[in-house]
Amino acid sequence: MEPAAKMTSLLTQRVDAIESFDFLMVSILEGKGLKVSTIPYASAGVNVPGLSLVAGEDLIKKEPALVGKMVAAMQETITASRKNPEAAIDSLMKRSPTLDRPVVLRTLQLSFNLIEPDWAKGKPLAWMSPDVMAKSQEILFEYGGIKKKLPTEDYFTNQFVPAN
């Protein structure tokens, strides 16, 4: 099913369930009057990283201090948003006033569950488990998401994650 058709198909009861990022869809579906429940992949032991901060190797080599500052800024932004989600949405609404405030606030709040998974408890915000990365690569390789496995240190690092 085309991604654009998922929500409409669920709302019109042409399907009983869809696969999606729950934190993005739940608030929209609830806003349209549909009561929803989710089954996170992680509850079945599937921990595949999603959103990431990506930098090119040239930038990492030439300006590692800048990369470190970008990661630190991301940490600060997420921490501030978690402390005061209303203020974060106030800022967003100034930039995009046509957004549905209750929907984007709920979306932000639901996203917080993804930011600090159980395996990252006690680690700095944005730290990634090498074990989770290795297992994720195995899943992606096994099910055709990638065609070749590489050493995980070839494509991910915690080098720029400052301690909280």
Foldseek 3Di string as FASTA:
>chain_A
DDPVCQLVCCVVVVDVDDDDDCLQVVLVSVVVPDDDDDDDPVVVVQDADDDDDDDDPVCCVPPVVVVLVVQVVVLVLLVVCVVPVPVVLVVVCVVVVVDDSSSVSSSSVVCVCVQADPVCPPFAGRDDDLVSQVVNQVVCCVVVVDVDDDRSVVGDDCVSGDGD
